[in-house]
Amino acid sequence: MKKSFMALAVLACTGGAMAQSNVTLYGRIDASLGSTKFNGVSTTQLYSGNLSASRWGMRGSEDLGGGLKAIFQLETGINADEGTGPSGFSRQSWVGLSGGFGTVRMGKADSIYKDINDLGNTYNISPDSLFNSAAEAYRAGLATFVNRPNNQIRYDSPDFGGFTAGLTYALDEDVAGTPQVTAIAARYRVGKLDVGFGYQNEDQLLRANDRKHRAVAATYNFGPARVSTHYQNVKAGDNRKDNEVALGVGVPLGNWDLTAGYSRSKAENAAGATAGKGTAFALAATYALSKRTRLYGGYLDGEIENAAGVTTRDYRLYAVGIRHDF
């Protein structure tokens, strides 16, 4: 279980009332051994984060009374194979308030659009996995969305009988190359079904670099198998387009969890003609040694073709590893 540090007996400034707060230290270490083959060139290596990204962080809250809480999260990535990582808290760095009105966060956080994208890839190996055939950049044209914008304000609504909604707004602060990001999302969870819609607009100083992302995603738990699916449409400021679909299946068998994923994309130029196509599939199996520790193995195969049908990117990845959560 995650280690919690409880800070009790904090005197309020007015009248000596007792406030309760807690801080939780958490993390994930993922390392594996395998091989990558890119355009015919193979490399054997030790990886970090093949099943899911290695990271560590802190999160906490303070009960302010009346159902109101102050909350925060700080999180950074780790390269487990080298013991290095980004400076600062590059994944999450925010502070906020939660209560009956919902939750407000300010700082660097996941875009609300990322929640919908991750939903659609739930059983496509793992949303942040290198084995995730949808996330492994086999997009035939446009780049992926900004998943954690800087300078962001995020609002999440309360749960209304399974329905939730939210929005995020990130300022560009007049910095060249930094987009102004606006995103909205709506989600409905009932029984074994979880479905959502998201939209994200990224405004750049150069209009051709603008991006509009739309996604519909869903998961359903059939019992013996769980399925996730995802459709995303991306349009650039110069009318280039990308259409992407992904499908994932997960089958739990005792301590084993078997997953398979498939994705494809089609890019169009500004005139609407096909500019390229991408396809990928992945297979993975994990074995739970405990609630916190898993062994795993996986394989990913993907390629991109240009408008003439010539392969321009050919990628293979296989690895076996271990992941530990704390």
C-alpha atoms as a PDB file:
ATOM      1  CA  MET A   1       0.000   0.000   0.000  1.00  0.00           C
ATOM      2  CA  LYS A   2       1.091   3.553  -0.575  1.00  0.00           C
ATOM      3  CA  LYS A   3       2.870   5.230   2.311  1.00  0.00           C
ATOM      4  CA  SER A   4       0.996   8.120   3.878  1.00  0.00           C
ATOM      5  CA  PHE A   5       2.427  10.790   6.112  1.00  0.00           C
ATOM      6  CA  MET A   6      -0.221  12.215   8.397  1.00  0.00           C
ATOM      7  CA  ALA A   7       0.180  15.735   9.685  1.00  0.00           C
ATOM      8  CA  LEU A   8      -2.322  16.253  12.480  1.00  0.00           C
ATOM      9  CA  ALA A   9      -2.935  18.977  15.077  1.00  0.00           C
ATOM     10  CA  VAL A  10      -2.428  21.935  12.734  1.00  0.00           C
ATOM     11  CA  LEU A  11      -3.757  24.964  14.594  1.00  0.00           C
ATOM     12  CA  ALA A  12      -6.087  27.183  12.581  1.00  0.00           C
ATOM     13  CA  CYS A  13      -5.342  30.857  12.717  1.00  0.00           C
ATOM     14  CA  THR A  14      -8.712  31.560  14.301  1.00  0.00           C
ATOM     15  CA  GLY A  15      -9.481  30.119  17.693  1.00  0.00           C
ATOM     16  CA  GLY A  16      -7.219  27.028  17.765  1.00  0.00           C
ATOM     17  CA  ALA A  17      -9.499  24.711  15.746  1.00  0.00           C
ATOM     18  CA  MET A  18      -7.890  21.481  14.600  1.00  0.00           C
ATOM     19  CA  ALA A  19      -7.377  20.935  10.845  1.00  0.00           C
ATOM     20  CA  GLN A  20      -6.447  17.594   9.291  1.00  0.00           C
ATOM     21  CA  SER A  21      -4.101  17.179   6.349  1.00  0.00           C
ATOM     22  CA  ASN A  22      -2.255  14.331   4.695  1.00  0.00           C
ATOM     23  CA  VAL A  23       0.531  13.877   2.168  1.00  0.00           C
ATOM     24  CA  THR A  24       1.057  10.661   0.203  1.00  0.00           C
ATOM     25  CA  LEU A  25       4.349   9.691  -1.429  1.00  0.00           C
ATOM     26  CA  TYR A  26       3.810   7.342  -4.369  1.00  0.00           C
ATOM     27  CA  GLY A  27       5.608   6.050  -7.428  1.00  0.00           C
ATOM     28  CA  ARG A  28       6.075   3.426 -10.109  1.00  0.00           C
ATOM     29  CA  ILE A  29       9.291   1.818 -11.361  1.00  0.00           C
ATOM     30  CA  ASP A  30       9.111  -0.062 -14.666  1.00  0.00           C
ATOM     31  CA  ALA A  31      12.175  -1.661 -16.286  1.00  0.00           C
ATOM     32  CA  SER A  32      12.441  -4.227 -19.076  1.00  0.00           C
ATOM     33  CA  LEU A  33      14.922  -5.910 -21.403  1.00  0.00           C
ATOM     34  CA  GLY A  34      14.172  -6.235 -25.105  1.00  0.00           C
ATOM     35  CA  SER A  35      14.856  -5.146 -28.647  1.00  0.00           C
ATOM     36  CA  THR A  36      13.715  -2.396 -30.989  1.00  0.00           C
ATOM     37  CA  LYS A  37      13.827  -2.713 -34.768  1.00  0.00           C
ATOM     38  CA  PHE A  38      13.393   0.593 -36.592  1.00  0.00           C
ATOM     39  CA  ASN A  39      13.521   0.646 -40.397  1.00  0.00           C
ATOM     40  CA  GLY A  40      15.561  -2.561 -40.432  1.00  0.00           C
ATOM     41  CA  VAL A  41      18.063  -1.589 -37.717  1.00  0.00           C
ATOM     42  CA  SER A  42      17.830  -3.603 -34.456  1.00  0.00           C
ATOM     43  CA  THR A  43      18.948  -2.402 -31.039  1.00  0.00           C
ATOM     44  CA  THR A  44      18.964  -4.468 -27.840  1.00  0.00           C
ATOM     45  CA  GLN A  45      18.492  -2.348 -24.754  1.00  0.00           C
ATOM     46  CA  LEU A  46      17.212  -1.935 -21.235  1.00  0.00           C
ATOM     47  CA  TYR A  47      14.040   0.146 -21.231  1.00  0.00           C
ATOM     48  CA  SER A  48      12.233   2.293 -18.707  1.00  0.00           C
ATOM     49  CA  GLY A  49       8.448   2.416 -18.810  1.00  0.00           C
ATOM     50  CA  ASN A  50       7.446  -0.112 -21.459  1.00  0.00           C
ATOM     51  CA  LEU A  51       4.309  -1.201 -19.595  1.00  0.00           C
ATOM     52  CA  SER A  52       3.686   2.207 -18.042  1.00  0.00           C
ATOM     53  CA  ALA A  53       5.815   5.287 -17.487  1.00  0.00           C
ATOM     54  CA  SER A  54       8.102   5.286 -14.448  1.00  0.00           C
ATOM     55  CA  ARG A  55       7.402   8.183 -12.113  1.00  0.00           C
ATOM     56  CA  TRP A  56       7.258   9.368  -8.527  1.00  0.00           C
ATOM     57  CA  GLY A  57       5.292  12.086  -6.841  1.00  0.00           C
ATOM     58  CA  MET A  58       3.410  13.481  -3.896  1.00  0.00           C
ATOM     59  CA  ARG A  59      -0.258  14.267  -3.478  1.00  0.00           C
ATOM     60  CA  GLY A  60      -2.147  15.618  -0.522  1.00  0.00           C
ATOM     61  CA  SER A  61      -5.187  17.350   0.867  1.00  0.00           C
ATOM     62  CA  GLU A  62      -6.297  19.463   3.811  1.00  0.00           C
ATOM     63  CA  ASP A  63      -9.811  19.351   5.197  1.00  0.00           C
ATOM     64  CA  LEU A  64     -10.981  22.956   5.438  1.00  0.00           C
ATOM     65  CA  GLY A  65     -14.391  22.090   6.839  1.00  0.00           C
ATOM     66  CA  GLY A  66     -17.853  22.263   5.341  1.00  0.00           C
ATOM     67  CA  GLY A  67     -16.946  19.723   2.663  1.00  0.00           C
ATOM     68  CA  LEU A  68     -14.185  21.954   1.275  1.00  0.00           C
ATOM     69  CA  LYS A  69     -10.636  20.611   0.754  1.00  0.00           C
ATOM     70  CA  ALA A  70      -7.363  22.076  -0.409  1.00  0.00           C
ATOM     71  CA  ILE A  71      -5.574  19.619  -2.723  1.00  0.00           C
ATOM     72  CA  PHE A  72      -2.251  19.391  -4.572  1.00  0.00           C
ATOM     73  CA  GLN A  73      -0.102  17.046  -6.654  1.00  0.00           C
ATOM     74  CA  LEU A  74       3.549  17.083  -7.711  1.00  0.00           C
ATOM     75  CA  GLU A  75       4.803  14.362 -10.092  1.00  0.00           C
ATOM     76  CA  THR A  76       7.872  13.830 -12.263  1.00  0.00           C
ATOM     77  CA  GLY A  77       9.049  11.137 -14.656  1.00  0.00           C
ATOM     78  CA  ILE A  78      11.945   8.758 -14.046  1.00  0.00           C
ATOM     79  CA  ASN A  79      14.270   6.989 -16.468  1.00  0.00           C
ATOM     80  CA  ALA A  80      14.663   3.781 -14.477  1.00  0.00           C
ATOM     81  CA  ASP A  81      17.413   2.460 -16.773  1.00  0.00           C
ATOM     82  CA  GLU A  82      19.664   5.485 -16.147  1.00  0.00           C
ATOM     83  CA  GLY A  83      18.464   6.933 -12.867  1.00  0.00           C
ATOM     84  CA  THR A  84      17.718  10.270 -14.525  1.00  0.00           C
ATOM     85  CA  GLY A  85      14.619  12.280 -15.279  1.00  0.00           C
ATOM     86  CA  PRO A  86      13.281  15.707 -16.212  1.00  0.00           C
ATOM     87  CA  SER A  87      14.048  18.613 -13.940  1.00  0.00           C
ATOM     88  CA  GLY A  88      11.244  19.757 -11.697  1.00  0.00           C
ATOM     89  CA  PHE A  89       7.797  18.147 -11.616  1.00  0.00           C
ATOM     90  CA  SER A  90       7.232  17.805 -15.350  1.00  0.00           C
ATOM     91  CA  ARG A  91       4.143  15.534 -15.243  1.00  0.00           C
ATOM     92  CA  GLN A  92       1.968  17.209 -12.610  1.00  0.00           C
ATOM     93  CA  SER A  93       2.370  20.422 -10.646  1.00  0.00           C
ATOM     94  CA  TRP A  94      -0.873  21.922  -9.409  1.00  0.00           C
ATOM     95  CA  VAL A  95      -2.842  23.148  -6.402  1.00  0.00           C
ATOM     96  CA  GLY A  96      -6.592  23.464  -6.072  1.00  0.00           C
ATOM     97  CA  LEU A  97      -9.857  23.200  -4.171  1.00  0.00           C
ATOM     98  CA  SER A  98     -12.572  20.526  -4.161  1.00  0.00           C
ATOM     99  CA  GLY A  99     -16.059  20.548  -2.711  1.00  0.00           C
ATOM    100  CA  GLY A 100     -19.714  20.296  -3.598  1.00  0.00           C
ATOM    101  CA  PHE A 101     -19.117  22.561  -6.610  1.00  0.00           C
ATOM    102  CA  GLY A 102     -16.583  20.134  -8.119  1.00  0.00           C
ATOM    103  CA  THR A 103     -12.805  20.477  -8.376  1.00  0.00           C
ATOM    104  CA  VAL A 104     -10.600  23.338  -9.566  1.00  0.00           C
ATOM    105  CA  ARG A 105      -6.878  22.893 -10.252  1.00  0.00           C
ATOM    106  CA  MET A 106      -4.285  25.493 -11.253  1.00  0.00           C
ATOM    107  CA  GLY A 107      -0.842  24.688 -12.663  1.00  0.00           C
ATOM    108  CA  LYS A 108       0.374  21.842 -14.885  1.00  0.00           C
ATOM    109  CA  ALA A 109      -2.144  18.982 -15.050  1.00  0.00           C
ATOM    110  CA  ASP A 110      -3.647  16.506 -17.486  1.00  0.00           C
ATOM    111  CA  SER A 111      -5.851  18.133 -20.081  1.00  0.00           C
ATOM    112  CA  ILE A 112      -9.482  17.041 -19.715  1.00  0.00           C
ATOM    113  CA  TYR A 113      -9.156  15.799 -23.306  1.00  0.00           C
ATOM    114  CA  LYS A 114      -6.416  13.382 -22.210  1.00  0.00           C
ATOM    115  CA  ASP A 115      -8.927  11.685 -19.911  1.00  0.00           C
ATOM    116  CA  ILE A 116     -11.073  10.773 -22.925  1.00  0.00           C
ATOM    117  CA  ASN A 117      -8.067   9.618 -24.945  1.00  0.00           C
ATOM    118  CA  ASP A 118      -6.920   7.416 -22.054  1.00  0.00           C
ATOM    119  CA  LEU A 119     -10.434   6.012 -21.644  1.00  0.00           C
ATOM    120  CA  GLY A 120     -10.415   4.803 -25.240  1.00  0.00           C
ATOM    121  CA  ASN A 121      -7.074   3.080 -24.750  1.00  0.00           C
ATOM    122  CA  THR A 122      -7.824   1.506 -21.355  1.00  0.00           C
ATOM    123  CA  TYR A 123      -7.464  -2.065 -22.611  1.00  0.00           C
ATOM    124  CA  ASN A 124      -5.149  -1.259 -25.504  1.00  0.00           C
ATOM    125  CA  ILE A 125      -2.284  -2.551 -23.301  1.00  0.00           C
ATOM    126  CA  SER A 126      -2.108   0.618 -21.149  1.00  0.00           C
ATOM    127  CA  PRO A 127      -2.822   4.306 -21.842  1.00  0.00           C
ATOM    128  CA  ASP A 128       0.809   5.368 -21.226  1.00  0.00           C
ATOM    129  CA  SER A 129       2.506   2.180 -22.435  1.00  0.00           C
ATOM    130  CA  LEU A 130       5.083   1.952 -25.218  1.00  0.00           C
ATOM    131  CA  PHE A 131       3.229  -1.219 -26.188  1.00  0.00           C
ATOM    132  CA  ASN A 132       0.077   0.840 -26.679  1.00  0.00           C
ATOM    133  CA  SER A 133      -0.416   0.607 -30.423  1.00  0.00           C
ATOM    134  CA  ALA A 134      -2.681   3.658 -30.480  1.00  0.00           C
ATOM    135  CA  ALA A 135      -0.307   5.904 -28.542  1.00  0.00           C
ATOM    136  CA  GLU A 136       2.898   4.755 -30.241  1.00  0.00           C
ATOM    137  CA  ALA A 137       2.831   7.559 -32.848  1.00  0.00           C
ATOM    138  CA  TYR A 138       1.705   5.523 -35.849  1.00  0.00           C
ATOM    139  CA  ARG A 139      -0.232   8.548 -36.938  1.00  0.00           C
ATOM    140  CA  ALA A 140       0.152   8.998 -40.647  1.00  0.00           C
ATOM    141  CA  GLY A 141       0.088  12.772 -40.521  1.00  0.00           C
ATOM    142  CA  LEU A 142      -0.422  15.182 -37.641  1.00  0.00           C
ATOM    143  CA  ALA A 143       1.266  15.102 -34.277  1.00  0.00           C
ATOM    144  CA  THR A 144      -0.521  14.075 -31.099  1.00  0.00           C
ATOM    145  CA  PHE A 145      -2.352  16.500 -28.810  1.00  0.00           C
ATOM    146  CA  VAL A 146      -0.801  18.522 -25.970  1.00  0.00           C
ATOM    147  CA  ASN A 147      -1.583  16.207 -23.057  1.00  0.00           C
ATOM    148  CA  ARG A 148      -0.340  18.295 -20.115  1.00  0.00           C
ATOM    149  CA  PRO A 149      -0.421  21.985 -21.005  1.00  0.00           C
ATOM    150  CA  ASN A 150       1.479  24.490 -18.906  1.00  0.00           C
ATOM    151  CA  ASN A 151      -0.259  27.483 -17.282  1.00  0.00           C
ATOM    152  CA  GLN A 152      -3.545  25.619 -16.992  1.00  0.00           C
ATOM    153  CA  ILE A 153      -6.809  26.013 -15.109  1.00  0.00           C
ATOM    154  CA  ARG A 154      -8.910  22.839 -14.946  1.00  0.00           C
ATOM    155  CA  TYR A 155     -12.461  22.376 -13.685  1.00  0.00           C
ATOM    156  CA  ASP A 156     -14.213  19.021 -13.074  1.00  0.00           C
ATOM    157  CA  SER A 157     -17.903  18.941 -12.223  1.00  0.00           C
ATOM    158  CA  PRO A 158     -19.488  16.834  -9.474  1.00  0.00           C
ATOM    159  CA  ASP A 159     -20.995  13.472 -10.420  1.00  0.00           C
ATOM    160  CA  PHE A 160     -24.653  13.830 -11.463  1.00  0.00           C
ATOM    161  CA  GLY A 161     -25.942  10.255 -11.491  1.00  0.00           C
ATOM    162  CA  GLY A 162     -22.966   9.001 -13.487  1.00  0.00           C
ATOM    163  CA  PHE A 163     -22.612  12.094 -15.684  1.00  0.00           C
ATOM    164  CA  THR A 164     -19.560  14.345 -15.332  1.00  0.00           C
ATOM    165  CA  ALA A 165     -18.127  17.178 -17.403  1.00  0.00           C
ATOM    166  CA  GLY A 166     -15.150  19.464 -17.307  1.00  0.00           C
ATOM    167  CA  LEU A 167     -13.007  22.002 -19.078  1.00  0.00           C
ATOM    168  CA  THR A 168      -9.395  23.124 -19.171  1.00  0.00           C
ATOM    169  CA  TYR A 169      -7.864  26.386 -20.321  1.00  0.00           C
ATOM    170  CA  ALA A 170      -4.121  26.933 -20.706  1.00  0.00           C
ATOM    171  CA  LEU A 171      -2.611  30.337 -21.398  1.00  0.00           C
ATOM    172  CA  ASP A 172       0.115  30.792 -24.017  1.00  0.00           C
ATOM    173  CA  GLU A 173       1.440  33.844 -22.119  1.00  0.00           C
ATOM    174  CA  ASP A 174       2.609  35.280 -25.477  1.00  0.00           C
ATOM    175  CA  VAL A 175       5.455  32.741 -25.660  1.00  0.00           C
ATOM    176  CA  ALA A 176       6.335  31.634 -29.193  1.00  0.00           C
ATOM    177  CA  GLY A 177       5.741  27.909 -29.718  1.00  0.00           C
ATOM    178  CA  THR A 178       3.442  27.629 -26.701  1.00  0.00           C
ATOM    179  CA  PRO A 179      -0.178  27.016 -27.736  1.00  0.00           C
ATOM    180  CA  GLN A 180      -3.254  28.397 -26.047  1.00  0.00           C
ATOM    181  CA  VAL A 181      -5.170  25.223 -25.227  1.00  0.00           C
ATOM    182  CA  THR A 182      -8.911  24.980 -24.559  1.00  0.00           C
ATOM    183  CA  ALA A 183     -10.549  21.611 -23.928  1.00  0.00           C
ATOM    184  CA  ILE A 184     -13.956  20.314 -22.879  1.00  0.00           C
ATOM    185  CA  ALA A 185     -15.162  16.811 -22.111  1.00  0.00           C
ATOM    186  CA  ALA A 186     -18.291  14.970 -21.023  1.00  0.00           C
ATOM    187  CA  ARG A 187     -18.466  11.439 -19.633  1.00  0.00           C
ATOM    188  CA  TYR A 188     -21.170   9.012 -18.576  1.00  0.00           C
ATOM    189  CA  ARG A 189     -20.536   5.957 -16.395  1.00  0.00           C
ATOM    190  CA  VAL A 190     -23.304   3.475 -15.665  1.00  0.00           C
ATOM    191  CA  GLY A 191     -22.912  -0.186 -14.782  1.00  0.00           C
ATOM    192  CA  LYS A 192     -20.323  -1.802 -17.053  1.00  0.00           C
ATOM    193  CA  LEU A 193     -20.350   1.045 -19.591  1.00  0.00           C
ATOM    194  CA  ASP A 194     -18.090   4.103 -19.580  1.00  0.00           C
ATOM    195  CA  VAL A 195     -18.405   6.492 -22.546  1.00  0.00           C
ATOM    196  CA  GLY A 196     -17.050   9.974 -23.192  1.00  0.00           C
ATOM    197  CA  PHE A 197     -16.553  12.779 -25.695  1.00  0.00           C
ATOM    198  CA  GLY A 198     -13.726  15.313 -25.785  1.00  0.00           C
ATOM    199  CA  TYR A 199     -12.721  18.367 -27.798  1.00  0.00           C
ATOM    200  CA  GLN A 200      -9.431  20.259 -27.648  1.00  0.00           C
ATOM    201  CA  ASN A 201      -8.448  23.418 -29.526  1.00  0.00           C
ATOM    202  CA  GLU A 202      -4.760  24.412 -29.727  1.00  0.00           C
ATOM    203  CA  ASP A 203      -4.149  27.938 -31.034  1.00  0.00           C
ATOM    204  CA  GLN A 204      -0.635  28.810 -32.224  1.00  0.00           C
ATOM    205  CA  LEU A 205       0.806  32.098 -33.452  1.00  0.00           C
ATOM    206  CA  LEU A 206       1.252  30.456 -36.869  1.00  0.00           C
ATOM    207  CA  ARG A 207      -2.246  29.452 -38.014  1.00  0.00           C
ATOM    208  CA  ALA A 208      -1.021  26.399 -39.967  1.00  0.00           C
ATOM    209  CA  ASN A 209       0.123  24.923 -36.645  1.00  0.00           C
ATOM    210  CA  ASP A 210      -3.342  25.207 -35.058  1.00  0.00           C
ATOM    211  CA  ARG A 211      -4.938  21.886 -34.082  1.00  0.00           C
ATOM    212  CA  LYS A 212      -8.527  20.872 -33.365  1.00  0.00           C
ATOM    213  CA  HIS A 213      -8.927  17.437 -31.779  1.00  0.00           C
ATOM    214  CA  ARG A 214     -12.191  15.543 -31.354  1.00  0.00           C
ATOM    215  CA  ALA A 215     -12.500  12.148 -29.707  1.00  0.00           C
ATOM    216  CA  VAL A 216     -15.205   9.652 -28.791  1.00  0.00           C
ATOM    217  CA  ALA A 217     -14.227   6.781 -26.516  1.00  0.00           C
ATOM    218  CA  ALA A 218     -15.856   3.967 -24.571  1.00  0.00           C
ATOM    219  CA  THR A 219     -15.164   0.884 -22.475  1.00  0.00           C
ATOM    220  CA  TYR A 220     -17.399  -2.053 -21.635  1.00  0.00           C
ATOM    221  CA  ASN A 221     -16.816  -4.891 -19.210  1.00  0.00           C
ATOM    222  CA  PHE A 222     -18.327  -8.109 -20.549  1.00  0.00           C
ATOM    223  CA  GLY A 223     -17.001 -10.105 -17.582  1.00  0.00           C
ATOM    224  CA  PRO A 224     -14.737 -12.645 -19.303  1.00  0.00           C
ATOM    225  CA  ALA A 225     -13.363  -9.832 -21.464  1.00  0.00           C
ATOM    226  CA  ARG A 226     -13.125  -6.035 -21.317  1.00  0.00           C
ATOM    227  CA  VAL A 227     -13.146  -3.852 -24.430  1.00  0.00           C
ATOM    228  CA  SER A 228     -12.112  -0.266 -25.114  1.00  0.00           C
ATOM    229  CA  THR A 229     -12.500   1.692 -28.340  1.00  0.00           C
ATOM    230  CA  HIS A 230     -11.490   5.115 -29.510  1.00  0.00           C
ATOM    231  CA  TYR A 231     -12.006   7.419 -32.504  1.00  0.00           C
ATOM    232  CA  GLN A 232     -10.096  10.662 -32.938  1.00  0.00           C
ATOM    233  CA  ASN A 233     -10.228  13.319 -35.645  1.00  0.00           C
ATOM    234  CA  VAL A 234      -7.505  15.974 -35.902  1.00  0.00           C
ATOM    235  CA  LYS A 235      -7.643  19.030 -38.160  1.00  0.00           C
ATOM    236  CA  ALA A 236      -4.800  21.497 -38.693  1.00  0.00           C
ATOM    237  CA  GLY A 237      -5.123  25.192 -39.420  1.00  0.00           C
ATOM    238  CA  ASP A 238      -4.145  24.575 -43.060  1.00  0.00           C
ATOM    239  CA  ASN A 239      -6.938  21.946 -43.467  1.00  0.00           C
ATOM    240  CA  ARG A 240      -4.748  18.839 -43.195  1.00  0.00           C
ATOM    241  CA  LYS A 241      -6.583  16.044 -41.368  1.00  0.00           C
ATOM    242  CA  ASP A 242      -5.957  12.823 -39.487  1.00  0.00           C
ATOM    243  CA  ASN A 243      -8.523  10.156 -38.599  1.00  0.00           C
ATOM    244  CA  GLU A 244      -7.562   7.488 -36.074  1.00  0.00           C
ATOM    245  CA  VAL A 245      -9.305   4.465 -34.586  1.00  0.00           C
ATOM    246  CA  ALA A 246      -8.150   2.057 -31.902  1.00  0.00           C
ATOM    247  CA  LEU A 247      -9.501  -1.100 -30.304  1.00  0.00           C
ATOM    248  CA  GLY A 248      -8.265  -2.881 -27.200  1.00  0.00           C
ATOM    249  CA  VAL A 249      -9.268  -6.130 -25.472  1.00  0.00           C
ATOM    250  CA  GLY A 250      -8.284  -7.306 -22.004  1.00  0.00           C
ATOM    251  CA  VAL A 251      -8.862 -10.811 -20.628  1.00  0.00           C
ATOM    252  CA  PRO A 252      -8.207 -11.495 -16.909  1.00  0.00           C
ATOM    253  CA  LEU A 253      -7.225 -15.080 -16.034  1.00  0.00           C
ATOM    254  CA  GLY A 254      -6.466 -15.286 -12.331  1.00  0.00           C
ATOM    255  CA  ASN A 255      -3.121 -13.584 -11.753  1.00  0.00           C
ATOM    256  CA  TRP A 256      -2.690 -13.235 -15.508  1.00  0.00           C
ATOM    257  CA  ASP A 257      -3.980 -10.333 -17.577  1.00  0.00           C
ATOM    258  CA  LEU A 258      -3.839 -10.732 -21.369  1.00  0.00           C
ATOM    259  CA  THR A 259      -4.285  -7.683 -23.597  1.00  0.00           C
ATOM    260  CA  ALA A 260      -4.303  -6.971 -27.322  1.00  0.00           C
ATOM    261  CA  GLY A 261      -4.563  -3.685 -29.189  1.00  0.00           C
ATOM    262  CA  TYR A 262      -4.958  -2.510 -32.771  1.00  0.00           C
ATOM    263  CA  SER A 263      -4.963   0.950 -34.297  1.00  0.00           C
ATOM    264  CA  ARG A 264      -4.933   2.583 -37.700  1.00  0.00           C
ATOM    265  CA  SER A 265      -4.789   6.126 -39.007  1.00  0.00           C
ATOM    266  CA  LYS A 266      -5.312   7.912 -42.297  1.00  0.00           C
ATOM    267  CA  ALA A 267      -3.920  11.336 -43.145  1.00  0.00           C
ATOM    268  CA  GLU A 268      -5.281  13.750 -45.744  1.00  0.00           C
ATOM    269  CA  ASN A 269      -3.573  16.752 -47.258  1.00  0.00           C
ATOM    270  CA  ALA A 270      -5.190  20.194 -47.533  1.00  0.00           C
ATOM    271  CA  ALA A 271      -6.916  19.160 -50.769  1.00  0.00           C
ATOM    272  CA  GLY A 272      -8.517  16.115 -49.126  1.00  0.00           C
ATOM    273  CA  ALA A 273      -6.348  13.504 -50.872  1.00  0.00           C
ATOM    274  CA  THR A 274      -4.814  10.616 -48.921  1.00  0.00           C
ATOM    275  CA  ALA A 275      -1.319  11.550 -47.725  1.00  0.00           C
ATOM    276  CA  GLY A 276      -0.487   8.400 -45.751  1.00  0.00           C
ATOM    277  CA  LYS A 277      -1.730   5.498 -43.675  1.00  0.00           C
ATOM    278  CA  GLY A 278      -0.544   3.934 -40.437  1.00  0.00           C
ATOM    279  CA  THR A 279      -1.361   0.627 -38.731  1.00  0.00           C
ATOM    280  CA  ALA A 280      -0.135  -1.056 -35.576  1.00  0.00           C
ATOM    281  CA  PHE A 281      -0.976  -3.938 -33.271  1.00  0.00           C
ATOM    282  CA  ALA A 282       0.343  -5.055 -29.909  1.00  0.00           C
ATOM    283  CA  LEU A 283       0.098  -8.041 -27.583  1.00  0.00           C
ATOM    284  CA  ALA A 284       1.031  -8.181 -23.920  1.00  0.00           C
ATOM    285  CA  ALA A 285       0.677 -10.379 -20.857  1.00  0.00           C
ATOM    286  CA  THR A 286       1.190  -9.469 -17.204  1.00  0.00           C
ATOM    287  CA  TYR A 287       1.426 -11.702 -14.148  1.00  0.00           C
ATOM    288  CA  ALA A 288       0.657 -10.268 -10.711  1.00  0.00           C
ATOM    289  CA  LEU A 289       3.164 -11.394  -8.090  1.00  0.00           C
ATOM    290  CA  SER A 290       1.306  -9.149  -5.639  1.00  0.00           C
ATOM    291  CA  LYS A 291      -0.988  -6.133  -5.694  1.00  0.00           C
ATOM    292  CA  ARG A 292       2.030  -3.914  -6.323  1.00  0.00           C
ATOM    293  CA  THR A 293       4.398  -6.011  -8.431  1.00  0.00           C
ATOM    294  CA  ARG A 294       3.893  -7.402 -11.937  1.00  0.00           C
ATOM    295  CA  LEU A 295       5.984  -9.317 -14.444  1.00  0.00           C
ATOM    296  CA  TYR A 296       5.185  -8.653 -18.093  1.00  0.00           C
ATOM    297  CA  GLY A 297       6.077  -9.324 -21.693  1.00  0.00           C
ATOM    298  CA  GLY A 298       4.868  -7.643 -24.861  1.00  0.00           C
ATOM    299  CA  TYR A 299       5.256  -7.196 -28.601  1.00  0.00           C
ATOM    300  CA  LEU A 300       4.443  -4.231 -30.850  1.00  0.00           C
ATOM    301  CA  ASP A 301       4.421  -4.103 -34.661  1.00  0.00           C
ATOM    302  CA  GLY A 302       3.587  -1.000 -36.694  1.00  0.00           C
ATOM    303  CA  GLU A 303       4.251   0.785 -39.947  1.00  0.00           C
ATOM    304  CA  ILE A 304       3.428   3.935 -41.914  1.00  0.00           C
ATOM    305  CA  GLU A 305       2.922   4.143 -45.672  1.00  0.00           C
ATOM    306  CA  ASN A 306       2.951   7.240 -47.865  1.00  0.00           C
ATOM    307  CA  ALA A 307       0.327   8.117 -50.468  1.00  0.00           C
ATOM    308  CA  ALA A 308       1.970   5.766 -52.977  1.00  0.00           C
ATOM    309  CA  GLY A 309       1.783   2.821 -50.556  1.00  0.00           C
ATOM    310  CA  VAL A 310       5.540   2.787 -49.859  1.00  0.00           C
ATOM    311  CA  THR A 311       6.521   2.001 -46.270  1.00  0.00           C
ATOM    312  CA  THR A 312       8.318   4.995 -44.753  1.00  0.00           C
ATOM    313  CA  ARG A 313       8.441   3.807 -41.129  1.00  0.00           C
ATOM    314  CA  ASP A 314       8.690   0.233 -39.930  1.00  0.00           C
ATOM    315  CA  TYR A 315       8.862  -0.427 -36.196  1.00  0.00           C
ATOM    316  CA  ARG A 316       9.059  -3.536 -33.975  1.00  0.00           C
ATOM    317  CA  LEU A 317       9.410  -3.758 -30.219  1.00  0.00           C
ATOM    318  CA  TYR A 318       9.462  -6.693 -27.827  1.00  0.00           C
ATOM    319  CA  ALA A 319      10.479  -6.810 -24.186  1.00  0.00           C
ATOM    320  CA  VAL A 320      10.053  -8.584 -20.850  1.00  0.00           C
ATOM    321  CA  GLY A 321      10.159  -6.692 -17.583  1.00  0.00           C
ATOM    322  CA  ILE A 322       8.943  -5.949 -14.099  1.00  0.00           C
ATOM    323  CA  ARG A 323       6.859  -3.106 -12.672  1.00  0.00           C
ATOM    324  CA  HIS A 324       6.592  -2.185  -8.999  1.00  0.00           C
ATOM    325  CA  ASP A 325       4.251   0.384  -7.480  1.00  0.00           C
ATOM    326  CA  PHE A 326       4.815   2.044  -4.120  1.00  0.00           C
END
